[in-house]
PDB file of N, CA and C in Angstrom:
ATOM      1  N   MET A   1     -41.210   6.848   5.179  1.00  0.00           N
ATOM      2  CA  MET A   1     -40.301   6.933   6.293  1.00  0.00           C
ATOM      3  C   MET A   1     -39.112   7.818   5.903  1.00  0.00           C
ATOM      4  N   ALA A   2     -38.800   8.795   6.734  1.00  0.00           N
ATOM      5  CA  ALA A   2     -37.676   9.690   6.462  1.00  0.00           C
ATOM      6  C   ALA A   2     -36.354   8.974   6.743  1.00  0.00           C
ATOM      7  N   GLU A   3     -35.413   9.204   5.864  1.00  0.00           N
ATOM      8  CA  GLU A   3     -34.102   8.588   6.040  1.00  0.00           C
ATOM      9  C   GLU A   3     -33.281   9.423   7.015  1.00  0.00           C
ATOM     10  N   GLN A   4     -32.530   8.763   7.877  1.00  0.00           N
ATOM     11  CA  GLN A   4     -31.679   9.463   8.819  1.00  0.00           C
ATOM     12  C   GLN A   4     -30.320   9.711   8.188  1.00  0.00           C
ATOM     13  N   LYS A   5     -29.773  10.881   8.452  1.00  0.00           N
ATOM     14  CA  LYS A   5     -28.446  11.195   7.931  1.00  0.00           C
ATOM     15  C   LYS A   5     -27.384  10.621   8.862  1.00  0.00           C
ATOM     16  N   LYS A   6     -26.278  10.194   8.259  1.00  0.00           N
ATOM     17  CA  LYS A   6     -25.168   9.620   8.998  1.00  0.00           C
ATOM     18  C   LYS A   6     -23.881  10.274   8.522  1.00  0.00           C
ATOM     19  N   LEU A   7     -22.973  10.530   9.453  1.00  0.00           N
ATOM     20  CA  LEU A   7     -21.695  11.139   9.104  1.00  0.00           C
ATOM     21  C   LEU A   7     -20.785  10.114   8.442  1.00  0.00           C
ATOM     22  N   HIS A   8     -20.221  10.492   7.306  1.00  0.00           N
ATOM     23  CA  HIS A   8     -19.209   9.717   6.606  1.00  0.00           C
ATOM     24  C   HIS A   8     -18.062  10.660   6.287  1.00  0.00           C
ATOM     25  N   TYR A   9     -16.935  10.107   5.951  1.00  0.00           N
ATOM     26  CA  TYR A   9     -15.798  10.904   5.497  1.00  0.00           C
ATOM     27  C   TYR A   9     -15.552  10.582   4.032  1.00  0.00           C
ATOM     28  N   TYR A  10     -15.333  11.623   3.251  1.00  0.00           N
ATOM     29  CA  TYR A  10     -15.030  11.475   1.835  1.00  0.00           C
ATOM     30  C   TYR A  10     -13.593  11.927   1.603  1.00  0.00           C
ATOM     31  N   ILE A  11     -12.795  11.058   0.989  1.00  0.00           N
ATOM     32  CA  ILE A  11     -11.455  11.450   0.582  1.00  0.00           C
ATOM     33  C   ILE A  11     -11.559  11.877  -0.872  1.00  0.00           C
ATOM     34  N   LEU A  12     -11.197  13.124  -1.142  1.00  0.00           N
ATOM     35  CA  LEU A  12     -11.298  13.701  -2.481  1.00  0.00           C
ATOM     36  C   LEU A  12      -9.942  13.676  -3.167  1.00  0.00           C
ATOM     37  N   PHE A  13      -9.963  13.553  -4.488  1.00  0.00           N
ATOM     38  CA  PHE A  13      -8.738  13.423  -5.270  1.00  0.00           C
ATOM     39  C   PHE A  13      -8.760  14.368  -6.460  1.00  0.00           C
ATOM     40  N   LYS A  14      -7.572  14.735  -6.913  1.00  0.00           N
ATOM     41  CA  LYS A  14      -7.454  15.542  -8.134  1.00  0.00           C
ATOM     42  C   LYS A  14      -7.573  14.665  -9.370  1.00  0.00           C
ATOM     43  N   THR A  15      -7.146  13.391  -9.245  1.00  0.00           N
ATOM     44  CA  THR A  15      -7.227  12.478 -10.388  1.00  0.00           C
ATOM     45  C   THR A  15      -7.794  11.129  -9.950  1.00  0.00           C
ATOM     46  N   TYR A  16      -8.384  10.445 -10.890  1.00  0.00           N
ATOM     47  CA  TYR A  16      -8.925   9.107 -10.663  1.00  0.00           C
ATOM     48  C   TYR A  16      -7.813   8.140 -10.242  1.00  0.00           C
ATOM     49  N   THR A  17      -6.637   8.285 -10.831  1.00  0.00           N
ATOM     50  CA  THR A  17      -5.501   7.407 -10.533  1.00  0.00           C
ATOM     51  C   THR A  17      -5.107   7.511  -9.059  1.00  0.00           C
ATOM     52  N   GLN A  18      -5.088   8.733  -8.524  1.00  0.00           N
ATOM     53  CA  GLN A  18      -4.784   8.908  -7.097  1.00  0.00           C
ATOM     54  C   GLN A  18      -5.784   8.139  -6.237  1.00  0.00           C
ATOM     55  N   GLY A  19      -7.042   8.197  -6.608  1.00  0.00           N
ATOM     56  CA  GLY A  19      -8.090   7.508  -5.849  1.00  0.00           C
ATOM     57  C   GLY A  19      -7.926   6.002  -5.873  1.00  0.00           C
ATOM     58  N   MET A  20      -7.618   5.461  -7.042  1.00  0.00           N
ATOM     59  CA  MET A  20      -7.447   4.015  -7.155  1.00  0.00           C
ATOM     60  C   MET A  20      -6.209   3.547  -6.389  1.00  0.00           C
ATOM     61  N   MET A  21      -5.132   4.337  -6.433  1.00  0.00           N
ATOM     62  CA  MET A  21      -3.931   3.986  -5.688  1.00  0.00           C
ATOM     63  C   MET A  21      -4.196   4.017  -4.183  1.00  0.00           C
ATOM     64  N   MET A  22      -4.944   5.025  -3.727  1.00  0.00           N
ATOM     65  CA  MET A  22      -5.274   5.126  -2.300  1.00  0.00           C
ATOM     66  C   MET A  22      -6.115   3.932  -1.866  1.00  0.00           C
ATOM     67  N   GLN A  23      -7.078   3.533  -2.686  1.00  0.00           N
ATOM     68  CA  GLN A  23      -7.904   2.390  -2.310  1.00  0.00           C
ATOM     69  C   GLN A  23      -7.057   1.132  -2.160  1.00  0.00           C
ATOM     70  N   GLU A  24      -6.110   0.923  -3.044  1.00  0.00           N
ATOM     71  CA  GLU A  24      -5.215  -0.242  -2.949  1.00  0.00           C
ATOM     72  C   GLU A  24      -4.370  -0.190  -1.679  1.00  0.00           C
ATOM     73  N   LEU A  25      -3.844   0.987  -1.351  1.00  0.00           N
ATOM     74  CA  LEU A  25      -3.039   1.130  -0.135  1.00  0.00           C
ATOM     75  C   LEU A  25      -3.868   0.836   1.118  1.00  0.00           C
ATOM     76  N   LEU A  26      -5.097   1.346   1.149  1.00  0.00           N
ATOM     77  CA  LEU A  26      -5.967   1.095   2.298  1.00  0.00           C
ATOM     78  C   LEU A  26      -6.319  -0.389   2.395  1.00  0.00           C
ATOM     79  N   LYS A  27      -6.553  -1.002   1.244  1.00  0.00           N
ATOM     80  CA  LYS A  27      -6.877  -2.431   1.203  1.00  0.00           C
ATOM     81  C   LYS A  27      -5.727  -3.260   1.772  1.00  0.00           C
ATOM     82  N   LYS A  28      -4.480  -2.911   1.419  1.00  0.00           N
ATOM     83  CA  LYS A  28      -3.308  -3.623   1.936  1.00  0.00           C
ATOM     84  C   LYS A  28      -3.193  -3.491   3.450  1.00  0.00           C
ATOM     85  N   ASP A  29      -3.660  -2.348   3.988  1.00  0.00           N
ATOM     86  CA  ASP A  29      -3.626  -2.133   5.438  1.00  0.00           C
ATOM     87  C   ASP A  29      -4.871  -2.688   6.132  1.00  0.00           C
ATOM     88  N   GLY A  30      -5.749  -3.331   5.370  1.00  0.00           N
ATOM     89  CA  GLY A  30      -6.951  -3.937   5.954  1.00  0.00           C
ATOM     90  C   GLY A  30      -8.033  -2.933   6.319  1.00  0.00           C
ATOM     91  N   ILE A  31      -8.034  -1.784   5.659  1.00  0.00           N
ATOM     92  CA  ILE A  31      -9.009  -0.733   5.944  1.00  0.00           C
ATOM     93  C   ILE A  31     -10.062  -0.716   4.841  1.00  0.00           C
ATOM     94  N   LYS A  32     -11.327  -0.825   5.230  1.00  0.00           N
ATOM     95  CA  LYS A  32     -12.417  -0.831   4.258  1.00  0.00           C
ATOM     96  C   LYS A  32     -12.688   0.579   3.751  1.00  0.00           C
ATOM     97  N   SER A  33     -12.873   0.678   2.456  1.00  0.00           N
ATOM     98  CA  SER A  33     -13.283   1.932   1.827  1.00  0.00           C
ATOM     99  C   SER A  33     -14.185   1.571   0.655  1.00  0.00           C
ATOM    100  N   ARG A  34     -14.913   2.551   0.191  1.00  0.00           N
ATOM    101  CA  ARG A  34     -15.815   2.312  -0.932  1.00  0.00           C
ATOM    102  C   ARG A  34     -15.687   3.459  -1.930  1.00  0.00           C
ATOM    103  N   ILE A  35     -15.550   3.122  -3.200  1.00  0.00           N
ATOM    104  CA  ILE A  35     -15.523   4.147  -4.239  1.00  0.00           C
ATOM    105  C   ILE A  35     -16.924   4.735  -4.350  1.00  0.00           C
ATOM    106  N   ALA A  36     -16.990   6.074  -4.354  1.00  0.00           N
ATOM    107  CA  ALA A  36     -18.281   6.751  -4.422  1.00  0.00           C
ATOM    108  C   ALA A  36     -18.118   8.054  -5.202  1.00  0.00           C
ATOM    109  N   PRO A  37     -19.193   8.508  -5.834  1.00  0.00           N
ATOM    110  CA  PRO A  37     -19.109   9.830  -6.455  1.00  0.00           C
ATOM    111  C   PRO A  37     -18.968  10.889  -5.356  1.00  0.00           C
ATOM    112  N   ALA A  38     -18.140  11.882  -5.598  1.00  0.00           N
ATOM    113  CA  ALA A  38     -17.992  12.964  -4.617  1.00  0.00           C
ATOM    114  C   ALA A  38     -19.256  13.816  -4.638  1.00  0.00           C
ATOM    115  N   PRO A  39     -19.856  14.063  -3.479  1.00  0.00           N
ATOM    116  CA  PRO A  39     -21.042  14.922  -3.455  1.00  0.00           C
ATOM    117  C   PRO A  39     -20.713  16.309  -4.009  1.00  0.00           C
ATOM    118  N   ARG A  40     -21.574  16.840  -4.828  1.00  0.00           N
ATOM    119  CA  ARG A  40     -21.323  18.141  -5.459  1.00  0.00           C
ATOM    120  C   ARG A  40     -21.088  19.239  -4.422  1.00  0.00           C
ATOM    121  N   ALA A  41     -21.731  19.125  -3.278  1.00  0.00           N
ATOM    122  CA  ALA A  41     -21.606  20.151  -2.246  1.00  0.00           C
ATOM    123  C   ALA A  41     -20.183  20.267  -1.707  1.00  0.00           C
ATOM    124  N   ILE A  42     -19.389  19.198  -1.811  1.00  0.00           N
ATOM    125  CA  ILE A  42     -18.017  19.242  -1.288  1.00  0.00           C
ATOM    126  C   ILE A  42     -16.959  19.097  -2.375  1.00  0.00           C
ATOM    127  N   GLN A  43     -17.361  18.807  -3.592  1.00  0.00           N
ATOM    128  CA  GLN A  43     -16.409  18.579  -4.683  1.00  0.00           C
ATOM    129  C   GLN A  43     -15.694  19.857  -5.096  1.00  0.00           C
ATOM    130  N   GLY A  44     -16.393  20.971  -5.087  1.00  0.00           N
ATOM    131  CA  GLY A  44     -15.781  22.239  -5.459  1.00  0.00           C
ATOM    132  C   GLY A  44     -15.321  22.258  -6.904  1.00  0.00           C
ATOM    133  N   GLU A  45     -14.117  22.741  -7.127  1.00  0.00           N
ATOM    134  CA  GLU A  45     -13.562  22.908  -8.468  1.00  0.00           C
ATOM    135  C   GLU A  45     -12.845  21.666  -8.990  1.00  0.00           C
ATOM    136  N   LEU A  46     -12.798  20.598  -8.204  1.00  0.00           N
ATOM    137  CA  LEU A  46     -12.085  19.395  -8.629  1.00  0.00           C
ATOM    138  C   LEU A  46     -12.742  18.790  -9.862  1.00  0.00           C
ATOM    139  N   GLY A  47     -11.930  18.435 -10.820  1.00  0.00           N
ATOM    140  CA  GLY A  47     -12.450  17.812 -12.037  1.00  0.00           C
ATOM    141  C   GLY A  47     -12.796  16.350 -11.831  1.00  0.00           C
ATOM    142  N   CYS A  48     -12.083  15.693 -10.943  1.00  0.00           N
ATOM    143  CA  CYS A  48     -12.323  14.273 -10.683  1.00  0.00           C
ATOM    144  C   CYS A  48     -13.495  14.151  -9.715  1.00  0.00           C
ATOM    145  N   GLY A  49     -14.527  13.465 -10.115  1.00  0.00           N
ATOM    146  CA  GLY A  49     -15.708  13.304  -9.278  1.00  0.00           C
ATOM    147  C   GLY A  49     -15.671  12.066  -8.422  1.00  0.00           C
ATOM    148  N   MET A  50     -14.514  11.404  -8.379  1.00  0.00           N
ATOM    149  CA  MET A  50     -14.392  10.161  -7.611  1.00  0.00           C
ATOM    150  C   MET A  50     -13.919  10.478  -6.195  1.00  0.00           C
ATOM    151  N   SER A  51     -14.427   9.719  -5.235  1.00  0.00           N
ATOM    152  CA  SER A  51     -13.966   9.838  -3.859  1.00  0.00           C
ATOM    153  C   SER A  51     -13.968   8.455  -3.223  1.00  0.00           C
ATOM    154  N   LEU A  52     -13.357   8.363  -2.059  1.00  0.00           N
ATOM    155  CA  LEU A  52     -13.447   7.149  -1.253  1.00  0.00           C
ATOM    156  C   LEU A  52     -14.293   7.479  -0.041  1.00  0.00           C
ATOM    157  N   LEU A  53     -15.263   6.633   0.211  1.00  0.00           N
ATOM    158  CA  LEU A  53     -16.180   6.801   1.332  1.00  0.00           C
ATOM    159  C   LEU A  53     -15.648   5.992   2.505  1.00  0.00           C
ATOM    160  N   ILE A  54     -15.471   6.648   3.638  1.00  0.00           N
ATOM    161  CA  ILE A  54     -14.885   6.033   4.819  1.00  0.00           C
ATOM    162  C   ILE A  54     -15.857   6.151   5.986  1.00  0.00           C
ATOM    163  N   GLU A  55     -16.019   5.062   6.728  1.00  0.00           N
ATOM    164  CA  GLU A  55     -16.848   5.078   7.933  1.00  0.00           C
ATOM    165  C   GLU A  55     -16.113   5.863   9.032  1.00  0.00           C
ATOM    166  N   PRO A  56     -16.839   6.586   9.883  1.00  0.00           N
ATOM    167  CA  PRO A  56     -16.203   7.418  10.912  1.00  0.00           C
ATOM    168  C   PRO A  56     -15.248   6.665  11.843  1.00  0.00           C
ATOM    169  N   GLU A  57     -15.563   5.438  12.175  1.00  0.00           N
ATOM    170  CA  GLU A  57     -14.713   4.688  13.097  1.00  0.00           C
ATOM    171  C   GLU A  57     -13.374   4.280  12.484  1.00  0.00           C
ATOM    172  N   LEU A  58     -13.234   4.424  11.177  1.00  0.00           N
ATOM    173  CA  LEU A  58     -11.994   4.050  10.489  1.00  0.00           C
ATOM    174  C   LEU A  58     -11.109   5.234  10.129  1.00  0.00           C
ATOM    175  N   ILE A  59     -11.570   6.467  10.377  1.00  0.00           N
ATOM    176  CA  ILE A  59     -10.848   7.632   9.880  1.00  0.00           C
ATOM    177  C   ILE A  59      -9.459   7.771  10.499  1.00  0.00           C
ATOM    178  N   ASP A  60      -9.277   7.430  11.764  1.00  0.00           N
ATOM    179  CA  ASP A  60      -7.947   7.527  12.375  1.00  0.00           C
ATOM    180  C   ASP A  60      -6.978   6.544  11.722  1.00  0.00           C
ATOM    181  N   ALA A  61      -7.434   5.333  11.446  1.00  0.00           N
ATOM    182  CA  ALA A  61      -6.593   4.335  10.776  1.00  0.00           C
ATOM    183  C   ALA A  61      -6.250   4.798   9.364  1.00  0.00           C
ATOM    184  N   VAL A  62      -7.197   5.446   8.696  1.00  0.00           N
ATOM    185  CA  VAL A  62      -6.950   5.965   7.349  1.00  0.00           C
ATOM    186  C   VAL A  62      -5.877   7.048   7.392  1.00  0.00           C
ATOM    187  N   ARG A  63      -5.980   7.958   8.340  1.00  0.00           N
ATOM    188  CA  ARG A  63      -4.991   9.038   8.455  1.00  0.00           C
ATOM    189  C   ARG A  63      -3.593   8.473   8.741  1.00  0.00           C
ATOM    190  N   GLU A  64      -3.514   7.443   9.581  1.00  0.00           N
ATOM    191  CA  GLU A  64      -2.230   6.791   9.870  1.00  0.00           C
ATOM    192  C   GLU A  64      -1.655   6.143   8.609  1.00  0.00           C
ATOM    193  N   SER A  65      -2.502   5.471   7.846  1.00  0.00           N
ATOM    194  CA  SER A  65      -2.069   4.815   6.620  1.00  0.00           C
ATOM    195  C   SER A  65      -1.561   5.842   5.610  1.00  0.00           C
ATOM    196  N   ILE A  66      -2.263   6.964   5.493  1.00  0.00           N
ATOM    197  CA  ILE A  66      -1.853   8.015   4.572  1.00  0.00           C
ATOM    198  C   ILE A  66      -0.499   8.594   4.991  1.00  0.00           C
ATOM    199  N   ALA A  67      -0.329   8.826   6.281  1.00  0.00           N
ATOM    200  CA  ALA A  67       0.941   9.377   6.775  1.00  0.00           C
ATOM    201  C   ALA A  67       2.092   8.400   6.523  1.00  0.00           C
ATOM    202  N   LYS A  68       1.812   7.120   6.729  1.00  0.00           N
ATOM    203  CA  LYS A  68       2.845   6.094   6.551  1.00  0.00           C
ATOM    204  C   LYS A  68       3.264   5.959   5.084  1.00  0.00           C
ATOM    205  N   THR A  69       2.302   5.981   4.183  1.00  0.00           N
ATOM    206  CA  THR A  69       2.580   5.744   2.765  1.00  0.00           C
ATOM    207  C   THR A  69       2.791   7.028   1.965  1.00  0.00           C
ATOM    208  N   LYS A  70       2.464   8.173   2.573  1.00  0.00           N
ATOM    209  CA  LYS A  70       2.556   9.467   1.884  1.00  0.00           C
ATOM    210  C   LYS A  70       1.713   9.482   0.608  1.00  0.00           C
ATOM    211  N   ALA A  71       0.543   8.871   0.691  1.00  0.00           N
ATOM    212  CA  ALA A  71      -0.373   8.801  -0.450  1.00  0.00           C
ATOM    213  C   ALA A  71      -0.908  10.194  -0.787  1.00  0.00           C
ATOM    214  N   GLU A  72      -1.133  10.424  -2.069  1.00  0.00           N
ATOM    215  CA  GLU A  72      -1.625  11.720  -2.532  1.00  0.00           C
ATOM    216  C   GLU A  72      -3.146  11.775  -2.506  1.00  0.00           C
ATOM    217  N   TYR A  73      -3.658  12.906  -2.030  1.00  0.00           N
ATOM    218  CA  TYR A  73      -5.095  13.161  -2.040  1.00  0.00           C
ATOM    219  C   TYR A  73      -5.298  14.666  -1.951  1.00  0.00           C
ATOM    220  N   HIS A  74      -6.510  15.123  -2.197  1.00  0.00           N
ATOM    221  CA  HIS A  74      -6.786  16.557  -2.150  1.00  0.00           C
ATOM    222  C   HIS A  74      -7.263  16.984  -0.760  1.00  0.00           C
ATOM    223  N   ASP A  75      -8.246  16.270  -0.219  1.00  0.00           N
ATOM    224  CA  ASP A  75      -8.819  16.660   1.070  1.00  0.00           C
ATOM    225  C   ASP A  75      -9.610  15.491   1.655  1.00  0.00           C
ATOM    226  N   ILE A  76      -9.811  15.519   2.959  1.00  0.00           N
ATOM    227  CA  ILE A  76     -10.707  14.583   3.640  1.00  0.00           C
ATOM    228  C   ILE A  76     -11.802  15.430   4.258  1.00  0.00           C
ATOM    229  N   VAL A  77     -13.048  15.162   3.858  1.00  0.00           N
ATOM    230  CA  VAL A  77     -14.166  16.012   4.256  1.00  0.00           C
ATOM    231  C   VAL A  77     -15.231  15.194   4.986  1.00  0.00           C
ATOM    232  N   PRO A  78     -15.587  15.595   6.224  1.00  0.00           N
ATOM    233  CA  PRO A  78     -16.726  14.950   6.887  1.00  0.00           C
ATOM    234  C   PRO A  78     -18.017  15.499   6.269  1.00  0.00           C
ATOM    235  N   TYR A  79     -18.969  14.613   6.000  1.00  0.00           N
ATOM    236  CA  TYR A  79     -20.199  15.050   5.340  1.00  0.00           C
ATOM    237  C   TYR A  79     -21.338  14.122   5.736  1.00  0.00           C
ATOM    238  N   GLU A  80     -22.449  14.695   6.130  1.00  0.00           N
ATOM    239  CA  GLU A  80     -23.614  13.884   6.487  1.00  0.00           C
ATOM    240  C   GLU A  80     -24.343  13.450   5.223  1.00  0.00           C
ATOM    241  N   THR A  81     -24.605  12.161   5.128  1.00  0.00           N
ATOM    242  CA  THR A  81     -25.308  11.615   3.966  1.00  0.00           C
ATOM    243  C   THR A  81     -26.466  10.751   4.436  1.00  0.00           C
ATOM    244  N   ASN A  82     -27.372  10.500   3.552  1.00  0.00           N
ATOM    245  CA  ASN A  82     -28.471   9.587   3.828  1.00  0.00           C
ATOM    246  C   ASN A  82     -28.421   8.451   2.814  1.00  0.00           C
ATOM    247  N   ILE A  83     -27.398   7.623   2.945  1.00  0.00           N
ATOM    248  CA  ILE A  83     -27.212   6.491   2.046  1.00  0.00           C
ATOM    249  C   ILE A  83     -28.215   5.409   2.414  1.00  0.00           C
ATOM    250  N   ASN A  84     -28.991   4.998   1.432  1.00  0.00           N
ATOM    251  CA  ASN A  84     -29.994   3.963   1.627  1.00  0.00           C
ATOM    252  C   ASN A  84     -29.609   2.765   0.761  1.00  0.00           C
ATOM    253  N   PRO A  85     -29.064   1.696   1.377  1.00  0.00           N
ATOM    254  CA  PRO A  85     -28.616   0.558   0.565  1.00  0.00           C
ATOM    255  C   PRO A  85     -29.744  -0.145  -0.177  1.00  0.00           C
ATOM    256  N   GLY A  86     -30.989   0.067   0.202  1.00  0.00           N
ATOM    257  CA  GLY A  86     -32.116  -0.576  -0.475  1.00  0.00           C
ATOM    258  C   GLY A  86     -32.815   0.333  -1.468  1.00  0.00           C
ATOM    259  N   ARG A  87     -32.180   1.418  -1.878  1.00  0.00           N
ATOM    260  CA  ARG A  87     -32.867   2.413  -2.707  1.00  0.00           C
ATOM    261  C   ARG A  87     -33.273   1.910  -4.080  1.00  0.00           C
ATOM    262  N   ASN A  88     -32.612   0.895  -4.608  1.00  0.00           N
ATOM    263  CA  ASN A  88     -32.972   0.397  -5.936  1.00  0.00           C
ATOM    264  C   ASN A  88     -33.707  -0.940  -5.883  1.00  0.00           C
ATOM    265  N   ARG A  89     -34.220  -1.292  -4.738  1.00  0.00           N
ATOM    266  CA  ARG A  89     -34.992  -2.533  -4.605  1.00  0.00           C
ATOM    267  C   ARG A  89     -36.467  -2.198  -4.721  1.00  0.00           C
ATOM    268  N   PHE A  90     -37.120  -2.883  -5.628  1.00  0.00           N
ATOM    269  CA  PHE A  90     -38.520  -2.566  -5.898  1.00  0.00           C
ATOM    270  C   PHE A  90     -39.479  -3.682  -5.537  1.00  0.00           C
ATOM    271  N   CYS A  91     -38.964  -4.814  -5.040  1.00  0.00           N
ATOM    272  CA  CYS A  91     -39.870  -5.888  -4.640  1.00  0.00           C
ATOM    273  C   CYS A  91     -39.335  -6.615  -3.425  1.00  0.00           C
TER     274      CYS A  91
END
């Protein structure tokens, strides 16, 4: 069965510390995020391969939280992924 691609937003960072601080700020605002490796196709020259994965319906709340807290980040990139939560299940 072919996996369907779904749009997600990746918040990219210059440093791991920026990413961890952003996740804490989003958590305090009640916004779900997930630490994920930054896809190579969008990572570019950034040395930090960490990103925060955001669901599309939460991106406006994330942008508001960032504006309010002035949190540091490199970029927010929409990217289609085919995340399969059962990919490592073998039985």
